[in-house]
Structures are given as C-alpha cells and as structure tokens.
Amino acid sequence: MGYMRRIPIGGFKKNIYAEAHMIVGKVVGSVVSTRKSEKLIGQKFMIVEPVHHMKSELSQIVAIDMIGAGIGEYVLVAQGSAARIGCGEETAPIDAAIVGIIDDGAGLE
C-alpha cells in the first residue's frame, strides 16, 4: 500500500481525520466522459495501475491528469483531499490526481 498519513479536517481542535495516500503507478489507458460534473469539464482522465507492491483493494484507478502524462509512463498519484489540493480544485469531486511523472522507473515493477 502507498504512503498514508492522517490529515486533520476542520482544524486541530476537532478529531476528524482523512487519510491521504500517494502511490506510484503506470498509466495504462484513458477515459472519455462527455457528461460529467461542471467542475470536471476540460479535465483529462487517465487509468492508472498501481505498481504491484502499492496495490490495495483496487487494481486500477481513474485519476485526473493536469500535467500531461502519457500511456506507459510511471506517475505519482495523490489521493483524497491531497488530490484536490494538488491540482488546485479544492471543491471538485476528485479523488485521485496525477501530480508527477517519474523520470526513472527502474525497480518499480
């Protein structure tokens, strides 16, 4: 499983937490959606398969791609609220976002 940490929501006085994950995965495809939330219009969706030692219950995830990753590239994917913040869309319904392209993926698989 990927890196995980607890992030306080609503200030430090409240005991409400969300988990933030960052994983490494390989872009294996793309998704086209003509009807979607207004906040997702113009966004590019990619299918990312986490590398084997970072897989959880999901074998593939759909992530927003704002940096131009291509099929076959290894990428860093932020999940949860970190994904929305990472792509500057704090109020959009985004749960995963490609936030980096890995230059050297040797040893990832």
Protein backbone atom coordinates (compact mmCIF):
# COMPACT_ATOMS: atom_id res chain seq x y z
CA MET A 1 0.00 0.00 0.00
CA GLY A 2 1.13 3.56 -0.68
CA TYR A 3 2.24 6.24 1.72
CA MET A 4 -0.53 7.15 4.14
CA ARG A 5 -0.91 9.85 6.75
CA ARG A 6 -3.75 11.34 8.72
CA ILE A 7 -4.73 14.91 7.91
CA PRO A 8 -6.87 16.94 10.34
CA ILE A 9 -10.07 18.28 8.81
CA GLY A 10 -11.78 21.35 10.23
CA GLY A 11 -8.89 22.45 12.40
CA PHE A 12 -6.81 20.76 15.04
CA LYS A 13 -9.47 21.04 17.75
CA LYS A 14 -11.72 18.50 16.07
CA ASN A 15 -10.89 14.80 15.96
CA ILE A 16 -11.97 14.29 12.36
CA TYR A 17 -9.31 12.89 10.04
CA ALA A 18 -9.00 11.91 6.41
CA GLU A 19 -6.35 9.60 5.04
CA ALA A 20 -4.07 10.88 2.31
CA HIS A 21 -2.29 8.45 0.04
CA MET A 22 0.40 8.89 -2.57
CA ILE A 23 1.13 5.97 -4.83
CA VAL A 24 3.31 5.16 -7.81
CA GLY A 25 1.53 3.69 -10.81
CA LYS A 26 1.71 3.15 -14.54
CA VAL A 27 -0.70 4.90 -16.90
CA VAL A 28 -2.44 2.11 -18.84
CA GLY A 29 -5.24 3.97 -20.61
CA SER A 30 -7.57 6.94 -20.74
CA VAL A 31 -11.26 7.58 -20.18
CA VAL A 32 -13.52 9.88 -22.20
CA SER A 33 -16.59 11.29 -20.46
CA THR A 34 -18.83 13.71 -22.33
CA ARG A 35 -21.31 14.15 -19.45
CA LYS A 36 -19.80 14.97 -16.07
CA SER A 37 -19.82 17.41 -13.19
CA GLU A 38 -19.30 21.02 -14.28
CA LYS A 39 -16.16 21.16 -12.15
CA LEU A 40 -14.61 18.37 -14.24
CA ILE A 41 -15.20 19.94 -17.66
CA GLY A 42 -11.93 20.16 -19.57
CA GLN A 43 -10.16 17.63 -17.35
CA LYS A 44 -8.27 14.65 -18.78
CA PHE A 45 -8.92 11.27 -17.13
CA MET A 46 -6.28 8.52 -17.13
CA ILE A 47 -6.41 4.93 -15.92
CA VAL A 48 -3.52 4.19 -13.56
CA GLU A 49 -2.47 0.76 -12.37
CA PRO A 50 -0.56 0.96 -9.08
CA VAL A 51 2.77 -0.88 -9.04
CA HIS A 52 2.36 -4.34 -7.51
CA HIS A 53 3.65 -3.54 -4.01
CA MET A 54 1.37 -0.46 -3.68
CA LYS A 55 -1.89 -2.12 -4.71
CA SER A 56 -4.69 -2.21 -2.21
CA GLU A 57 -8.19 -3.43 -2.96
CA LEU A 58 -8.18 -1.61 -6.32
CA SER A 59 -6.18 -2.88 -9.26
CA GLN A 60 -6.75 0.29 -11.29
CA ILE A 61 -7.86 3.84 -10.52
CA VAL A 62 -9.07 6.76 -12.60
CA ALA A 63 -7.04 9.92 -11.98
CA ILE A 64 -7.27 13.49 -13.23
CA ASP A 65 -4.20 14.37 -15.29
CA MET A 66 -3.29 18.04 -15.39
CA ILE A 67 0.40 17.57 -16.22
CA GLY A 68 0.22 15.64 -19.50
CA ALA A 69 1.18 12.08 -18.61
CA GLY A 70 1.11 9.57 -21.43
CA ILE A 71 0.16 5.93 -21.64
CA GLY A 72 3.05 3.75 -20.47
CA GLU A 73 4.58 6.36 -18.15
CA TYR A 74 5.10 5.86 -14.43
CA VAL A 75 3.44 8.58 -12.38
CA LEU A 76 2.94 9.83 -8.83
CA VAL A 77 -0.73 9.86 -7.85
CA ALA A 78 -2.13 11.79 -4.90
CA GLN A 79 -5.42 10.56 -3.47
CA GLY A 80 -8.12 12.02 -1.26
CA SER A 81 -8.08 15.69 -0.33
CA ALA A 82 -4.41 15.89 -1.35
CA ALA A 83 -5.51 15.16 -4.93
CA ARG A 84 -7.91 18.10 -5.00
CA ILE A 85 -5.37 20.44 -3.44
CA GLY A 86 -2.58 19.16 -5.72
CA CYS A 87 -4.47 20.11 -8.85
CA GLY A 88 -5.94 23.36 -7.48
CA GLU A 89 -9.53 22.11 -7.49
CA GLU A 90 -10.42 22.03 -3.79
CA THR A 91 -14.18 21.93 -4.44
CA ALA A 92 -14.21 19.47 -7.36
CA PRO A 93 -15.24 15.81 -6.98
CA ILE A 94 -11.70 14.48 -7.46
CA ASP A 95 -10.33 11.53 -5.51
CA ALA A 96 -7.10 10.88 -7.45
CA ALA A 97 -4.78 13.18 -9.39
CA ILE A 98 -1.55 12.63 -11.28
CA VAL A 99 0.87 15.07 -9.66
CA GLY A 100 4.17 13.95 -11.17
CA ILE A 101 5.79 11.93 -13.93
CA ILE A 102 8.61 9.63 -12.80
CA ASP A 103 11.77 10.08 -14.85
CA ASP A 104 13.36 6.75 -13.93
CA GLY A 105 11.02 3.87 -13.09
CA ALA A 106 13.74 1.23 -12.73
CA GLY A 107 12.91 -1.22 -9.98
CA LEU A 108 9.26 -0.22 -9.67
CA GLU A 109 7.80 -3.46 -11.03
